[in-house]
Amino acid sequence: MNKIPGPPTVPLFGHLLALHKTAESLFEHLRLWRKSYGRLWKFTGTHFRAIHVYHAEDVQMILSNTSYNDKDIPYTFLQGWLGEGLLVSNGDKWHRRRKMLTPAFHFKILNKYFSIFCQHTQTLLGTIENELDKGKIDLSPMISKAALHTMCETALGVNVHEIPSIDSYIQSIHKVGDCIVQRMIKPWYIVDSIYKLSYTARQEKCVISDLHNFTKQIIQRRRKNRNGSNTINVKENNVNEVDATMLDLLLDEEAKGTINDKGVQEEVDTLLFEGHDTTATALTFMMMRIANEPDIQDSIYEELQSIFEDSQRSPTIEDLSKMKYLECCIKESMRLYPSVPFISRNITKEVVIAGYTIPKNTFVNIHVFDIHRDPEVYPEPEKFRPERFLPQNTVGRNPYSYIPFSAGPRNCIGQKYAMMMMKILMSGTMRNYRLEPITRPEDLVFIPDLVLRTNHPIYVQFRPRAKLTENRK
């Protein structure tokens, strides 16, 4: 470790004091340190050591190896909220839960969600129409609500219109994210005994109580309303022809004694956070960027017109497979704006990375944001070029150079769900509206958080395509 480059240290504290910055400056400093110290650099504290990696080959060595599956800091900061759900758990518990939940994302189940995705897209279009008089629309609150409604009705089988606290739930996620960022930028808060004495910890406890109350309402409502025939045969990976949901699967497993009530709560909390917040983030940044790329927006619309012509019909599953260019645009947007900009793993046995020997019990921080902007892999990385993801242009590219859904054994279990939702929602929006820029890419100021966020709203103006067509006549 001594030979690995890194920022100057302070006796007793190591590099910890270097974290004591504003949230905005910390995000930029993490990027600057990569430029200063190269593809791998170290960061140490009073009771931990970490390395930061930015190269696809180094990332592959970690994420592809089941020996390096475990998570620790900063994921341990989430345990008060998510317990030992799929995002946070390690070892046998993670393996059991992953195996248990995988059938809930079987393609037959996802196909059953299709009509619900379409319904909520229409609801979103109605929301946009109601907001048109404002001239500009703050994307994040609107899209977050749409994604949360969709997630609850599909994966959890509950209509959240019946639960009045949806807005406060979204706000609470942002608040708990703020608390966790405070633990990152105030080194003394890393120590649990110190953090628990702070005002931030008390605030976090109250917010987590609100988050848990929301998901408890969902679980209770589904227990009451569900049909006992909703089952998923995990062993045979056979999905019965019923409207089973992920929550139904968990409740069936609870009845078998393979998971308890606390475990059900953990996985619902995890799914609801990961499933709606990351997707909403991806959609927010994509709409902003497409609004700033008029030629690309025209190409997307031309593709959609070739599929739908002037019909106002809802899409079909077959239609989604024809949206090749839109899919490239989604991927390029997630390259530039990955919903999860950092991934961390705990090394449980010694490994050699980039010629350096890394001892066990070292944290590896994987900087997805900068891996996706490596100029050796993506020439002119700041430019929006969807053609990077055409099949012929991905030949020979290391698959670990593009990891918006992580990679390896602990990749995102719901990535097909997310892609289906994004395609349906984006195609529906762009068939009905032209997006015009308010917030520019150069305006974005990123801050560390649970997902990629800015310290300011992201605005877009929507122009109804019907009116644009009338004006041309």
Protein backbone atom coordinates (compact mmCIF):
# COMPACT_ATOMS: atom_id res chain seq x y z
CA MET A 1 0.00 0.00 0.00
CA ASN A 2 2.87 2.39 0.74
CA LYS A 3 3.86 2.49 -2.94
CA ILE A 4 0.38 3.42 -4.14
CA PRO A 5 0.02 7.15 -4.91
CA GLY A 6 -2.53 9.32 -3.14
CA PRO A 7 -3.19 12.72 -1.54
CA PRO A 8 -0.92 13.91 1.30
CA THR A 9 -1.69 12.32 4.66
CA VAL A 10 -2.06 13.82 8.13
CA PRO A 11 -0.70 11.86 11.13
CA LEU A 12 -3.41 9.85 12.92
CA PHE A 13 -6.07 10.92 10.41
CA GLY A 14 -4.53 9.67 7.18
CA HIS A 15 -6.50 11.20 4.30
CA LEU A 16 -9.73 11.72 6.23
CA LEU A 17 -9.45 15.49 6.49
CA ALA A 18 -9.33 15.70 2.70
CA LEU A 19 -12.99 14.64 2.71
CA HIS A 20 -14.04 17.62 4.82
CA LYS A 21 -15.35 19.72 1.95
CA THR A 22 -18.66 20.93 0.61
CA ALA A 23 -20.68 18.28 -1.19
CA GLU A 24 -20.14 20.05 -4.52
CA SER A 25 -16.37 20.34 -4.15
CA LEU A 26 -15.99 16.75 -2.93
CA PHE A 27 -17.45 15.35 -6.15
CA GLU A 28 -15.02 17.43 -8.20
CA HIS A 29 -12.05 16.65 -5.96
CA LEU A 30 -12.61 12.92 -6.41
CA ARG A 31 -12.39 13.52 -10.15
CA LEU A 32 -9.32 15.76 -9.84
CA TRP A 33 -7.49 13.20 -7.72
CA ARG A 34 -7.91 10.71 -10.55
CA LYS A 35 -6.14 13.16 -12.88
CA SER A 36 -3.40 13.73 -10.31
CA TYR A 37 -2.72 10.13 -9.26
CA GLY A 38 -3.74 8.01 -12.22
CA ARG A 39 -5.76 4.84 -12.65
CA LEU A 40 -5.38 3.74 -9.02
CA TRP A 41 -4.77 5.71 -5.84
CA LYS A 42 -5.16 5.11 -2.12
CA PHE A 43 -7.16 6.71 0.64
CA THR A 44 -6.68 5.81 4.30
CA GLY A 45 -8.38 6.68 7.58
CA THR A 46 -7.98 5.97 11.26
CA HIS A 47 -9.51 2.51 10.95
CA PHE A 48 -9.82 1.73 7.25
CA ARG A 49 -7.91 1.75 3.98
CA ALA A 50 -9.29 2.14 0.49
CA ILE A 51 -8.18 2.29 -3.11
CA HIS A 52 -9.92 4.06 -5.94
CA VAL A 53 -9.98 2.47 -9.40
CA TYR A 54 -10.88 3.95 -12.78
CA HIS A 55 -9.70 1.40 -15.34
CA ALA A 56 -11.97 -1.25 -16.90
CA GLU A 57 -9.44 -4.07 -16.50
CA ASP A 58 -9.03 -3.32 -12.80
CA VAL A 59 -12.79 -3.12 -12.36
CA GLN A 60 -13.25 -6.45 -14.11
CA MET A 61 -10.80 -8.11 -11.73
CA ILE A 62 -12.94 -7.02 -8.77
CA LEU A 63 -16.53 -7.24 -9.99
CA SER A 64 -16.20 -10.52 -11.88
CA ASN A 65 -14.71 -12.41 -8.94
CA THR A 66 -17.08 -13.84 -6.33
CA SER A 67 -14.27 -13.57 -3.78
CA TYR A 68 -14.76 -9.78 -3.83
CA ASN A 69 -18.56 -9.69 -3.58
CA ASP A 70 -18.78 -8.29 -0.06
CA LYS A 71 -19.79 -4.72 0.72
CA ASP A 72 -18.86 -2.54 3.69
CA ILE A 73 -18.50 1.25 3.98
CA PRO A 74 -20.41 3.22 2.67
CA TYR A 75 -23.16 0.58 2.30
CA THR A 76 -23.14 0.02 6.06
CA PHE A 77 -24.47 3.58 6.38
CA LEU A 78 -27.67 2.30 4.71
CA GLN A 79 -28.35 -0.50 7.17
CA GLY A 80 -30.59 1.60 9.41
CA TRP A 81 -32.89 2.01 6.42
CA LEU A 82 -32.40 -1.07 4.22
CA GLY A 83 -31.32 -3.56 6.89
CA GLU A 84 -29.68 -6.53 5.21
CA GLY A 85 -31.60 -6.31 1.96
CA LEU A 86 -30.13 -7.33 -1.39
CA LEU A 87 -28.14 -4.11 -1.83
CA VAL A 88 -26.38 -4.33 1.54
CA SER A 89 -26.24 -8.02 2.51
CA ASN A 90 -23.20 -10.26 2.13
CA GLY A 91 -22.31 -13.95 2.01
CA ASP A 92 -24.93 -16.67 2.29
CA LYS A 93 -27.76 -14.23 3.01
CA TRP A 94 -27.06 -12.36 -0.21
CA HIS A 95 -26.91 -15.61 -2.22
CA ARG A 96 -30.22 -16.84 -0.76
CA ARG A 97 -32.00 -13.54 -1.32
CA ARG A 98 -30.66 -13.15 -4.86
CA LYS A 99 -31.81 -16.66 -5.77
CA MET A 100 -35.17 -16.00 -4.13
CA LEU A 101 -35.82 -12.73 -5.98
CA THR A 102 -34.47 -13.54 -9.45
CA PRO A 103 -37.71 -15.20 -10.70
CA ALA A 104 -39.61 -11.96 -9.98
CA PHE A 105 -37.77 -10.42 -12.95
CA HIS A 106 -38.42 -13.31 -15.35
CA PHE A 107 -39.32 -12.05 -18.83
CA LYS A 108 -42.86 -13.46 -18.53
CA ILE A 109 -43.40 -11.38 -15.41
CA LEU A 110 -41.94 -8.27 -17.06
CA ASN A 111 -44.22 -8.73 -20.06
CA LYS A 112 -47.23 -8.75 -17.72
CA TYR A 113 -46.15 -5.32 -16.47
CA PHE A 114 -46.18 -3.88 -19.99
CA SER A 115 -49.71 -2.47 -19.95
CA ILE A 116 -49.08 -0.85 -16.54
CA PHE A 117 -45.96 0.87 -17.91
CA CYS A 118 -48.09 2.21 -20.76
CA GLN A 119 -50.85 3.41 -18.41
CA HIS A 120 -48.41 5.33 -16.24
CA THR A 121 -46.76 6.83 -19.31
CA GLN A 122 -50.16 8.27 -20.25
CA THR A 123 -50.52 9.63 -16.72
CA LEU A 124 -47.11 11.30 -17.03
CA LEU A 125 -48.11 12.84 -20.36
CA GLY A 126 -51.19 14.27 -18.66
CA THR A 127 -49.01 15.74 -15.91
CA ILE A 128 -46.78 17.38 -18.51
CA GLU A 129 -49.83 18.85 -20.26
CA ASN A 130 -51.06 20.33 -16.99
CA GLU A 131 -47.65 21.93 -16.38
CA LEU A 132 -47.16 23.44 -19.85
CA ASP A 133 -48.21 26.95 -18.81
CA LYS A 134 -45.17 27.14 -16.50
CA GLY A 135 -42.90 27.33 -19.53
CA LYS A 136 -40.31 25.10 -17.88
CA ILE A 137 -40.79 21.92 -15.86
CA ASP A 138 -38.64 20.63 -13.01
CA LEU A 139 -38.04 17.07 -14.19
CA SER A 140 -36.98 15.25 -11.05
CA PRO A 141 -40.15 15.50 -8.89
CA MET A 142 -42.42 14.71 -11.82
CA ILE A 143 -40.46 11.70 -13.06
CA SER A 144 -39.77 10.39 -9.56
CA LYS A 145 -43.48 10.28 -8.84
CA ALA A 146 -44.20 8.51 -12.14
CA ALA A 147 -41.46 5.92 -11.52
CA LEU A 148 -42.61 5.31 -7.94
CA HIS A 149 -46.24 4.83 -8.98
CA THR A 150 -45.14 2.39 -11.67
CA MET A 151 -42.86 0.43 -9.34
CA CYS A 152 -45.53 0.10 -6.66
CA GLU A 153 -48.20 -1.13 -9.05
CA THR A 154 -45.96 -3.57 -10.94
CA ALA A 155 -43.42 -5.09 -8.55
CA LEU A 156 -45.48 -4.63 -5.39
CA GLY A 157 -49.04 -4.97 -6.68
CA VAL A 158 -50.34 -1.85 -4.90
CA ASN A 159 -51.89 1.29 -6.34
CA VAL A 160 -50.19 4.11 -4.44
CA HIS A 161 -53.11 6.45 -5.09
CA GLU A 162 -54.54 4.59 -2.10
CA ILE A 163 -51.54 5.65 0.03
CA PRO A 164 -51.49 9.42 0.66
CA SER A 165 -47.84 9.84 1.67
CA ILE A 166 -46.10 9.32 -1.69
CA ASP A 167 -44.74 12.89 -1.93
CA SER A 168 -43.28 12.76 1.56
CA TYR A 169 -41.71 9.37 0.74
CA ILE A 170 -39.81 10.88 -2.19
CA GLN A 171 -38.71 13.83 -0.04
CA SER A 172 -37.59 11.45 2.71
CA ILE A 173 -35.30 9.58 0.31
CA HIS A 174 -33.57 12.85 -0.51
CA LYS A 175 -33.27 13.66 3.20
CA VAL A 176 -31.73 10.31 4.11
CA GLY A 177 -29.32 10.79 1.20
CA ASP A 178 -28.31 14.15 2.67
CA CYS A 179 -27.63 12.48 6.03
CA ILE A 180 -25.41 9.85 4.44
CA VAL A 181 -23.49 12.51 2.52
CA GLN A 182 -22.82 14.22 5.85
CA ARG A 183 -21.23 10.99 7.05
CA MET A 184 -19.01 11.06 3.98
CA ILE A 185 -17.84 14.67 4.22
CA LYS A 186 -17.43 14.76 8.01
CA PRO A 187 -14.76 12.13 8.76
CA TRP A 188 -15.61 11.88 12.47
CA TYR A 189 -19.11 10.69 11.54
CA ILE A 190 -17.64 7.48 10.11
CA VAL A 191 -17.36 6.29 13.72
CA ASP A 192 -20.83 5.03 14.69
CA SER A 193 -20.56 5.98 18.37
CA ILE A 194 -19.79 9.59 17.43
CA TYR A 195 -22.37 9.80 14.67
CA LYS A 196 -25.19 8.56 16.92
CA LEU A 197 -24.69 11.62 19.15
CA SER A 198 -25.19 14.05 16.27
CA TYR A 199 -28.25 16.00 15.17
CA THR A 200 -27.84 14.45 11.71
CA ALA A 201 -28.24 10.96 13.19
CA ARG A 202 -31.42 11.99 15.01
CA GLN A 203 -32.77 13.51 11.83
CA GLU A 204 -31.90 10.36 9.88
CA LYS A 205 -33.72 8.20 12.44
CA CYS A 206 -36.92 10.22 12.01
CA VAL A 207 -36.70 10.13 8.23
CA ILE A 208 -36.09 6.37 8.18
CA SER A 209 -39.16 5.90 10.38
CA ASP A 210 -41.22 7.71 7.73
CA LEU A 211 -39.73 5.56 4.96
CA HIS A 212 -40.47 2.36 6.87
CA ASN A 213 -44.04 3.43 7.61
CA PHE A 214 -44.64 3.95 3.88
CA THR A 215 -43.42 0.49 2.90
CA LYS A 216 -45.24 -1.13 5.83
CA GLN A 217 -48.48 0.30 4.46
CA ILE A 218 -47.72 -1.24 1.08
CA ILE A 219 -46.95 -4.66 2.55
CA GLN A 220 -50.08 -4.61 4.72
CA ARG A 221 -52.26 -3.61 1.79
CA ARG A 222 -50.86 -6.36 -0.43
CA ARG A 223 -51.29 -8.95 2.33
CA LYS A 224 -54.94 -7.94 2.53
CA ASN A 225 -55.68 -7.81 -1.20
CA ARG A 226 -53.55 -10.48 -2.82
CA ASN A 227 -54.90 -13.71 -4.21
CA GLY A 228 -53.41 -16.77 -2.53
CA SER A 229 -52.92 -18.42 -5.92
CA ASN A 230 -50.18 -15.95 -6.87
CA THR A 231 -47.08 -18.11 -6.69
CA ILE A 232 -43.72 -18.41 -8.36
CA ASN A 233 -41.95 -21.76 -8.50
CA VAL A 234 -38.38 -20.77 -7.72
CA LYS A 235 -36.82 -24.21 -8.09
CA GLU A 236 -38.13 -24.77 -11.59
CA ASN A 237 -37.88 -21.09 -12.59
CA ASN A 238 -41.42 -21.54 -13.84
CA VAL A 239 -43.70 -18.53 -13.73
CA ASN A 240 -47.36 -19.41 -13.34
CA GLU A 241 -49.85 -17.64 -15.57
CA VAL A 242 -51.07 -15.26 -12.89
CA ASP A 243 -50.29 -11.68 -11.95
CA ALA A 244 -47.61 -12.52 -9.41
CA THR A 245 -45.36 -9.72 -8.18
CA MET A 246 -42.06 -9.55 -6.36
CA LEU A 247 -43.93 -8.84 -3.14
CA ASP A 248 -46.12 -11.90 -3.71
CA LEU A 249 -42.99 -13.98 -4.08
CA LEU A 250 -41.65 -12.66 -0.78
CA LEU A 251 -44.94 -13.29 1.01
CA ASP A 252 -45.08 -16.83 -0.36
CA GLU A 253 -41.53 -17.44 0.86
CA GLU A 254 -42.49 -16.00 4.25
CA ALA A 255 -45.33 -18.53 4.44
CA LYS A 256 -42.78 -21.28 3.77
CA GLY A 257 -40.53 -19.98 6.54
CA THR A 258 -37.60 -19.11 4.25
CA ILE A 259 -37.81 -15.39 5.07
CA ASN A 260 -39.34 -13.53 8.01
CA ASP A 261 -41.38 -10.33 8.23
CA LYS A 262 -38.25 -8.23 8.77
CA GLY A 263 -36.68 -9.75 5.67
CA VAL A 264 -39.75 -8.92 3.58
CA GLN A 265 -39.54 -5.32 4.80
CA GLU A 266 -35.82 -5.13 3.95
CA GLU A 267 -36.35 -6.27 0.38
CA VAL A 268 -39.35 -4.02 -0.22
CA ASP A 269 -37.40 -1.02 1.10
CA THR A 270 -34.46 -1.97 -1.12
CA LEU A 271 -36.52 -2.57 -4.25
CA LEU A 272 -38.56 0.59 -3.88
CA PHE A 273 -35.45 2.74 -3.45
CA GLU A 274 -33.32 1.12 -6.13
CA GLY A 275 -36.16 0.50 -8.53
CA HIS A 276 -37.68 3.95 -8.67
CA ASP A 277 -34.90 6.39 -7.72
CA THR A 278 -32.22 5.10 -10.07
CA THR A 279 -34.63 4.86 -13.01
CA ALA A 280 -36.04 8.33 -12.35
CA THR A 281 -32.50 9.71 -12.21
CA ALA A 282 -31.60 8.12 -15.54
CA LEU A 283 -34.75 9.50 -17.18
CA THR A 284 -34.22 12.99 -15.77
CA PHE A 285 -30.71 13.30 -17.18
CA MET A 286 -31.71 11.75 -20.48
CA MET A 287 -34.56 14.20 -21.06
CA MET A 288 -32.25 17.09 -20.22
CA ARG A 289 -29.55 15.88 -22.61
CA ILE A 290 -31.91 15.01 -25.47
CA ALA A 291 -33.41 18.50 -25.18
CA ASN A 292 -29.90 19.83 -25.81
CA GLU A 293 -29.29 17.56 -28.83
CA PRO A 294 -31.88 18.62 -31.46
CA ASP A 295 -30.46 16.53 -34.32
CA ILE A 296 -30.40 13.41 -32.17
CA GLN A 297 -33.92 14.16 -30.98
CA ASP A 298 -35.03 14.38 -34.61
CA SER A 299 -33.47 10.99 -35.32
CA ILE A 300 -35.28 9.42 -32.37
CA TYR A 301 -38.58 10.88 -33.55
CA GLU A 302 -37.98 9.62 -37.10
CA GLU A 303 -37.41 6.12 -35.74
CA LEU A 304 -40.61 6.32 -33.70
CA GLN A 305 -42.53 7.58 -36.73
CA SER A 306 -41.27 4.64 -38.77
CA ILE A 307 -42.74 2.33 -36.11
CA PHE A 308 -45.99 4.12 -35.28
CA GLU A 309 -46.46 6.49 -38.25
CA ASP A 310 -49.20 8.91 -37.19
CA SER A 311 -51.02 6.38 -35.04
CA GLN A 312 -51.69 7.18 -31.39
CA ARG A 313 -51.79 3.51 -30.42
CA SER A 314 -49.91 2.22 -27.41
CA PRO A 315 -46.62 0.41 -28.06
CA THR A 316 -46.29 -3.35 -28.11
CA ILE A 317 -43.41 -5.51 -26.89
CA GLU A 318 -42.47 -6.02 -30.55
CA ASP A 319 -42.32 -2.24 -31.01
CA LEU A 320 -39.73 -1.95 -28.25
CA SER A 321 -37.39 -4.31 -30.07
CA LYS A 322 -37.48 -1.95 -33.08
CA MET A 323 -36.38 1.09 -31.05
CA LYS A 324 -32.70 0.51 -31.81
CA TYR A 325 -31.62 4.13 -31.95
CA LEU A 326 -33.61 5.10 -28.85
CA GLU A 327 -31.89 2.26 -26.98
CA CYS A 328 -28.49 3.58 -28.07
CA CYS A 329 -29.50 7.02 -26.79
CA ILE A 330 -30.57 5.59 -23.43
CA LYS A 331 -27.25 3.79 -23.12
CA GLU A 332 -25.26 6.86 -24.09
CA SER A 333 -27.14 8.95 -21.55
CA MET A 334 -26.42 6.39 -18.83
CA ARG A 335 -22.78 6.44 -19.88
CA LEU A 336 -22.56 10.17 -19.25
CA TYR A 337 -24.91 10.20 -16.27
CA PRO A 338 -24.82 6.82 -14.50
CA SER A 339 -27.50 6.74 -11.81
CA VAL A 340 -25.02 5.15 -9.41
CA PRO A 341 -21.73 7.01 -9.95
CA PHE A 342 -19.73 4.97 -7.41
CA ILE A 343 -19.63 1.27 -6.47
CA SER A 344 -17.69 -0.14 -3.53
CA ARG A 345 -16.45 -3.61 -2.60
CA ASN A 346 -14.53 -5.04 0.35
CA ILE A 347 -11.47 -7.12 -0.57
CA THR A 348 -11.55 -10.27 1.55
CA LYS A 349 -8.28 -11.70 0.28
CA GLU A 350 -5.05 -10.25 -1.10
CA VAL A 351 -5.12 -9.26 -4.77
CA VAL A 352 -2.74 -7.60 -7.25
CA ILE A 353 -4.25 -4.69 -9.18
CA ALA A 354 -2.30 -2.60 -11.70
CA GLY A 355 0.94 -4.06 -10.33
CA TYR A 356 0.17 -3.17 -6.71
CA THR A 357 -0.49 -5.72 -3.98
CA ILE A 358 -3.74 -4.86 -2.23
CA PRO A 359 -4.12 -6.47 1.22
CA LYS A 360 -7.36 -8.04 2.37
CA ASN A 361 -9.87 -5.88 4.25
CA THR A 362 -9.29 -2.99 1.85
CA PHE A 363 -12.24 -1.14 0.34
CA VAL A 364 -12.23 -0.73 -3.43
CA ASN A 365 -14.13 2.30 -4.69
CA ILE A 366 -15.06 1.98 -8.36
CA HIS A 367 -15.66 5.34 -10.02
CA VAL A 368 -18.33 4.55 -12.60
CA PHE A 369 -18.73 8.21 -13.57
CA ASP A 370 -15.11 8.47 -14.71
CA ILE A 371 -14.81 4.94 -16.09
CA HIS A 372 -17.58 5.94 -18.50
CA ARG A 373 -15.59 9.02 -19.53
CA ASP A 374 -12.27 7.31 -20.26
CA PRO A 375 -11.05 8.95 -23.50
CA GLU A 376 -9.14 5.80 -24.46
CA VAL A 377 -12.45 3.93 -24.61
CA TYR A 378 -14.78 6.78 -25.55
CA PRO A 379 -13.06 9.42 -27.73
CA GLU A 380 -14.34 12.93 -26.93
CA PRO A 381 -16.12 11.46 -23.92
CA GLU A 382 -18.15 14.56 -23.04
CA LYS A 383 -19.96 14.48 -26.38
CA PHE A 384 -23.29 12.71 -26.75
CA ARG A 385 -22.79 10.06 -29.44
CA PRO A 386 -25.40 7.28 -29.41
CA GLU A 387 -23.62 5.48 -32.24
CA ARG A 388 -21.02 4.36 -29.69
CA PHE A 389 -23.53 1.64 -28.78
CA LEU A 390 -24.30 0.33 -32.24
CA PRO A 391 -23.32 -3.37 -32.27
CA GLN A 392 -20.46 -2.88 -34.71
CA ASN A 393 -18.94 -0.16 -32.50
CA THR A 394 -18.92 -2.23 -29.32
CA VAL A 395 -16.83 -5.08 -30.75
CA GLY A 396 -13.66 -5.50 -28.70
CA ARG A 397 -14.74 -3.05 -26.00
CA ASN A 398 -14.18 -4.30 -22.47
CA PRO A 399 -17.69 -4.88 -21.06
CA TYR A 400 -16.52 -3.45 -17.73
CA SER A 401 -15.94 -0.07 -19.37
CA TYR A 402 -19.73 0.40 -19.30
CA ILE A 403 -21.37 -0.54 -16.00
CA PRO A 404 -24.47 1.61 -15.34
CA PHE A 405 -26.09 -1.47 -13.77
CA SER A 406 -22.86 -2.63 -12.12
CA ALA A 407 -21.54 -5.96 -13.42
CA GLY A 408 -20.61 -9.46 -12.39
CA PRO A 409 -22.50 -11.58 -9.83
CA ARG A 410 -23.84 -8.51 -8.00
CA ASN A 411 -25.13 -6.69 -11.05
CA CYS A 412 -28.53 -4.99 -10.93
CA ILE A 413 -31.25 -7.62 -10.71
CA GLY A 414 -33.80 -5.24 -12.27
CA GLN A 415 -31.91 -3.88 -15.27
CA LYS A 416 -34.29 -5.38 -17.87
CA TYR A 417 -37.22 -3.93 -15.93
CA ALA A 418 -35.53 -0.51 -15.93
CA MET A 419 -34.76 -0.60 -19.67
CA MET A 420 -38.34 -1.57 -20.49
CA MET A 421 -39.72 1.27 -18.37
CA MET A 422 -37.32 3.81 -19.87
CA LYS A 423 -38.08 2.81 -23.45
CA ILE A 424 -41.84 2.98 -22.95
CA LEU A 425 -41.76 6.27 -21.08
CA MET A 426 -39.24 7.99 -23.38
CA SER A 427 -40.94 6.83 -26.58
CA GLY A 428 -44.33 7.96 -25.29
CA THR A 429 -42.99 11.36 -24.26
CA MET A 430 -41.14 12.00 -27.51
CA ARG A 431 -44.05 10.93 -29.69
CA ASN A 432 -46.13 13.67 -28.06
CA TYR A 433 -43.66 16.40 -27.16
CA ARG A 434 -40.55 18.04 -28.47
CA LEU A 435 -38.06 18.70 -25.68
CA GLU A 436 -36.35 22.10 -25.63
CA PRO A 437 -33.42 23.02 -23.39
CA ILE A 438 -33.54 25.12 -20.27
CA THR A 439 -30.82 23.47 -18.17
CA ARG A 440 -27.62 22.92 -20.19
CA PRO A 441 -25.07 20.13 -19.66
CA GLU A 442 -22.48 22.73 -18.70
CA ASP A 443 -24.82 24.01 -15.96
CA LEU A 444 -24.77 20.72 -14.05
CA VAL A 445 -23.12 20.77 -10.61
CA PHE A 446 -22.98 17.25 -9.22
CA ILE A 447 -22.98 16.32 -5.55
CA PRO A 448 -22.26 13.01 -3.80
CA ASP A 449 -25.45 11.17 -2.90
CA LEU A 450 -27.03 7.73 -3.01
CA VAL A 451 -27.62 8.34 -6.72
CA LEU A 452 -26.30 10.95 -9.15
CA ARG A 453 -27.78 14.32 -8.22
CA THR A 454 -27.17 18.00 -8.81
CA ASN A 455 -27.40 20.85 -6.32
CA HIS A 456 -30.07 22.51 -8.46
CA PRO A 457 -33.27 21.58 -10.33
CA ILE A 458 -33.06 20.29 -13.91
CA TYR A 459 -35.52 22.01 -16.23
CA VAL A 460 -36.84 21.19 -19.69
CA GLN A 461 -39.51 22.88 -21.80
CA PHE A 462 -42.06 20.64 -23.54
CA ARG A 463 -43.63 21.64 -26.87
CA PRO A 464 -46.70 19.60 -27.94
CA ARG A 465 -45.96 18.02 -31.31
CA ALA A 466 -49.58 18.41 -32.42
CA LYS A 467 -49.24 22.21 -32.18
CA LEU A 468 -45.89 22.13 -33.97
CA THR A 469 -47.52 20.24 -36.84
CA GLU A 470 -50.43 22.71 -36.98
CA ASN A 471 -48.03 25.66 -37.13
CA ARG A 472 -46.29 24.17 -40.17
CA LYS A 473 -49.58 23.93 -42.11
